[in-house]
Amino acid sequence: MENKEEILMGSGELYMHEFDGTEIPEDAEIEIDEYNVGHCNSGFSIEYTPELYDVKNQYGKIVKRFTISETVAVKTGIISWALNKLALLSTAQFEIDKTKKTRKLVFGGRKSLKNVLVRFVHEKDNGKKIRFTAIAQGGNGFALEFTGDKELTIDAQLSAIERKKDWLAEFEEELTDDELAALESAQLIQEGI
């Protein structure tokens, strides 16, 4: 049985890093300081959009619907300055010059977008976590506006890609013993046992 009283509030931690694999690593490998993007100011949003095909009968009535494709997009506003995170959103290359003591993000020349493992972790009031995971790519561009009275925000948007068959993204929710027992009980009821 779902908890109809639970209301999720607050934000969470966002982790992003370049990723060329297909199997998602363990949580402890993803949720490390090196991959944490730091502060965000406009939250984290997930947009799921199915493309539907309607089968209509001779009277123009829909008799069946099929999902022919799905897209999952994630958006956030990153306010912690880190060129290496900005590099994940484009085809740009990140370079460090030790002699000059500089780092550069160079645009142009590279054709393919980076694959990025995106992990968002929200902690519920009961201490259990909800995790969203996707392998995604940037490519929607970004804008930076330096103004005197507002923090610099990198509005990031990434679209999930299918690096492993039949998988674009997933939610995982940790359960308390009581929540697990309620789900098991509800499943037995549905199965008529």
Protein backbone atom coordinates (compact mmCIF):
# COMPACT_ATOMS: atom_id res chain seq x y z
CA MET A 1 0.00 0.00 0.00
CA GLU A 2 1.39 3.39 -0.98
CA ASN A 3 1.75 6.03 1.72
CA LYS A 4 -0.75 8.67 0.59
CA GLU A 5 0.31 11.00 3.40
CA GLU A 6 3.99 11.22 2.41
CA ILE A 7 4.89 14.58 0.93
CA LEU A 8 8.42 15.00 -0.39
CA MET A 9 10.04 18.36 0.21
CA GLY A 10 13.49 19.70 -0.24
CA SER A 11 16.25 19.08 -2.66
CA GLY A 12 19.16 16.70 -2.69
CA GLU A 13 22.63 16.04 -3.95
CA LEU A 14 23.46 15.95 -7.65
CA TYR A 15 26.37 13.87 -8.95
CA MET A 16 27.62 13.96 -12.56
CA HIS A 17 30.65 12.51 -14.26
CA GLU A 18 31.77 11.36 -17.69
CA PHE A 19 30.81 7.71 -18.14
CA ASP A 20 31.40 5.29 -21.01
CA GLY A 21 30.09 2.11 -19.40
CA THR A 22 26.73 0.43 -19.64
CA GLU A 23 26.39 -1.09 -16.17
CA ILE A 24 25.61 1.37 -13.40
CA PRO A 25 28.27 1.33 -10.65
CA GLU A 26 27.46 0.82 -6.96
CA ASP A 27 26.09 3.82 -5.03
CA ALA A 28 29.36 4.24 -3.10
CA GLU A 29 31.26 4.64 -6.40
CA ILE A 30 28.88 7.32 -7.74
CA GLU A 31 28.06 9.33 -4.63
CA ILE A 32 31.51 10.78 -3.93
CA ASP A 33 32.64 14.38 -3.44
CA GLU A 34 34.56 14.42 -6.72
CA TYR A 35 31.33 13.90 -8.71
CA ASN A 36 29.09 16.16 -6.60
CA VAL A 37 28.25 19.29 -8.60
CA GLY A 38 27.92 21.37 -5.43
CA HIS A 39 25.24 24.00 -4.97
CA CYS A 40 22.21 24.32 -7.24
CA ASN A 41 19.62 27.08 -7.06
CA SER A 42 16.68 26.00 -9.17
CA GLY A 43 16.27 22.47 -7.89
CA PHE A 44 16.38 19.36 -10.00
CA SER A 45 13.62 18.40 -12.41
CA ILE A 46 12.93 15.29 -14.41
CA GLU A 47 10.72 15.33 -17.49
CA TYR A 48 9.41 12.06 -18.88
CA THR A 49 7.70 12.31 -22.28
CA PRO A 50 6.27 9.33 -24.15
CA GLU A 51 5.51 9.52 -27.87
CA LEU A 52 2.24 7.72 -28.45
CA TYR A 53 0.69 6.07 -31.46
CA ASP A 54 -3.10 5.80 -31.44
CA VAL A 55 -4.87 2.98 -33.24
CA LYS A 56 -8.28 4.20 -34.39
CA ASN A 57 -11.23 2.22 -35.66
CA GLN A 58 -13.41 3.08 -38.64
CA TYR A 59 -15.36 5.56 -36.47
CA GLY A 60 -12.28 7.52 -35.50
CA LYS A 61 -12.29 6.24 -31.92
CA ILE A 62 -9.06 5.23 -30.21
CA VAL A 63 -9.10 1.50 -29.54
CA LYS A 64 -5.49 1.03 -28.46
CA ARG A 65 -2.42 3.14 -27.67
CA PHE A 66 1.23 2.23 -28.02
CA THR A 67 4.30 4.00 -26.75
CA ILE A 68 6.65 4.21 -29.73
CA SER A 69 9.42 6.19 -28.01
CA GLU A 70 10.25 7.79 -24.69
CA THR A 71 12.46 10.67 -23.65
CA VAL A 72 13.76 11.53 -20.20
CA ALA A 73 15.32 14.96 -19.66
CA VAL A 74 16.86 16.36 -16.49
CA LYS A 75 17.34 20.03 -15.65
CA THR A 76 19.10 21.88 -12.88
CA GLY A 77 20.71 25.23 -12.17
CA ILE A 78 24.29 24.72 -11.00
CA ILE A 79 25.77 27.65 -9.07
CA SER A 80 29.07 26.15 -7.89
CA TRP A 81 31.75 27.19 -10.40
CA ALA A 82 33.61 24.22 -11.88
CA LEU A 83 34.82 24.19 -15.49
CA ASN A 84 35.01 20.39 -15.49
CA LYS A 85 31.25 20.18 -14.79
CA LEU A 86 30.57 22.74 -17.53
CA ALA A 87 32.58 20.55 -19.91
CA LEU A 88 30.08 17.71 -19.37
CA LEU A 89 27.32 19.79 -21.01
CA SER A 90 29.05 20.31 -24.36
CA THR A 91 31.66 18.97 -26.76
CA ALA A 92 34.29 21.27 -25.22
CA GLN A 93 37.63 19.92 -24.04
CA PHE A 94 39.04 20.71 -20.61
CA GLU A 95 42.76 21.64 -20.59
CA ILE A 96 45.20 22.52 -17.81
CA ASP A 97 48.45 24.42 -18.43
CA LYS A 98 50.73 23.83 -15.43
CA THR A 99 53.34 26.30 -16.70
CA LYS A 100 50.89 29.20 -16.97
CA LYS A 101 48.81 27.92 -14.02
CA THR A 102 45.61 28.14 -16.05
CA ARG A 103 42.75 25.91 -17.05
CA LYS A 104 40.67 26.26 -20.19
CA LEU A 105 37.44 24.95 -21.59
CA VAL A 106 37.99 24.95 -25.37
CA PHE A 107 34.99 24.82 -27.72
CA GLY A 108 35.21 23.64 -31.31
CA GLY A 109 36.59 20.69 -33.16
CA ARG A 110 35.06 17.82 -31.22
CA LYS A 111 31.95 16.33 -32.75
CA SER A 112 30.51 13.93 -30.20
CA LEU A 113 28.89 14.73 -26.87
CA LYS A 114 30.11 13.19 -23.64
CA ASN A 115 28.10 10.46 -21.93
CA VAL A 116 27.34 11.59 -18.40
CA LEU A 117 26.20 9.49 -15.48
CA VAL A 118 23.62 11.61 -13.64
CA ARG A 119 22.62 10.66 -10.09
CA PHE A 120 20.26 12.70 -7.91
CA VAL A 121 19.80 11.67 -4.27
CA HIS A 122 16.96 12.94 -2.07
CA GLU A 123 16.78 11.95 1.59
CA LYS A 124 13.25 11.44 2.92
CA ASP A 125 12.17 12.48 6.43
CA ASN A 126 12.63 8.88 7.62
CA GLY A 127 16.31 8.89 6.57
CA LYS A 128 15.77 6.58 3.58
CA LYS A 129 16.85 7.78 0.13
CA ILE A 130 15.29 8.15 -3.28
CA ARG A 131 17.81 7.89 -6.12
CA PHE A 132 17.33 8.90 -9.75
CA THR A 133 19.92 7.63 -12.21
CA ALA A 134 20.38 8.16 -15.95
CA ILE A 135 23.12 8.07 -18.53
CA ALA A 136 22.61 11.28 -20.46
CA GLN A 137 24.13 13.80 -22.84
CA GLY A 138 24.06 17.60 -22.95
CA GLY A 139 23.69 19.17 -26.36
CA ASN A 140 20.93 21.66 -25.58
CA GLY A 141 23.47 24.40 -24.99
CA PHE A 142 23.71 26.57 -21.90
CA ALA A 143 23.79 30.22 -20.95
CA LEU A 144 25.96 32.05 -18.44
CA GLU A 145 25.06 35.53 -17.27
CA PHE A 146 27.50 37.45 -15.10
CA THR A 147 25.54 40.15 -13.25
CA GLY A 148 26.51 42.17 -10.22
CA ASP A 149 23.51 41.33 -8.07
CA LYS A 150 22.84 37.64 -8.73
CA GLU A 151 24.75 34.38 -8.54
CA LEU A 152 26.06 32.88 -11.77
CA THR A 153 23.83 29.97 -12.74
CA ILE A 154 24.62 27.27 -15.29
CA ASP A 155 21.24 26.02 -16.44
CA ALA A 156 22.00 22.44 -17.35
CA GLN A 157 19.74 20.19 -19.39
CA LEU A 158 20.69 16.65 -20.31
CA SER A 159 18.72 14.00 -22.20
CA ALA A 160 18.89 10.34 -21.26
CA ILE A 161 20.33 7.94 -23.83
CA GLU A 162 19.92 4.19 -24.10
CA ARG A 163 23.39 2.85 -23.29
CA LYS A 164 21.92 -0.42 -22.09
CA LYS A 165 19.01 -2.17 -23.76
CA ASP A 166 15.53 -1.07 -22.67
CA TRP A 167 16.86 1.34 -20.02
CA LEU A 168 16.79 5.14 -20.10
CA ALA A 169 16.65 6.01 -16.41
CA GLU A 170 15.43 4.68 -13.09
CA PHE A 171 14.15 5.65 -9.67
CA GLU A 172 15.17 3.59 -6.65
CA GLU A 173 13.55 4.12 -3.26
CA GLU A 174 14.96 2.69 -0.05
CA LEU A 175 12.23 1.21 2.16
CA THR A 176 11.77 0.83 5.88
CA ASP A 177 10.78 -2.61 7.20
CA ASP A 178 7.18 -1.38 7.60
CA GLU A 179 7.05 -0.02 4.03
CA LEU A 180 8.39 -3.32 2.64
CA ALA A 181 5.87 -5.35 4.68
CA ALA A 182 3.01 -3.13 3.42
CA LEU A 183 4.12 -3.62 -0.21
CA GLU A 184 4.39 -7.38 0.24
CA SER A 185 0.92 -7.46 1.83
CA ALA A 186 -0.57 -5.36 -1.00
CA GLN A 187 1.02 -7.68 -3.60
CA LEU A 188 -0.49 -10.75 -1.92
CA ILE A 189 -3.90 -9.04 -1.95
CA GLN A 190 -3.56 -8.23 -5.68
CA GLU A 191 -2.59 -11.81 -6.43
CA GLY A 192 -5.64 -13.02 -4.50
CA ILE A 193 -3.65 -14.96 -1.94
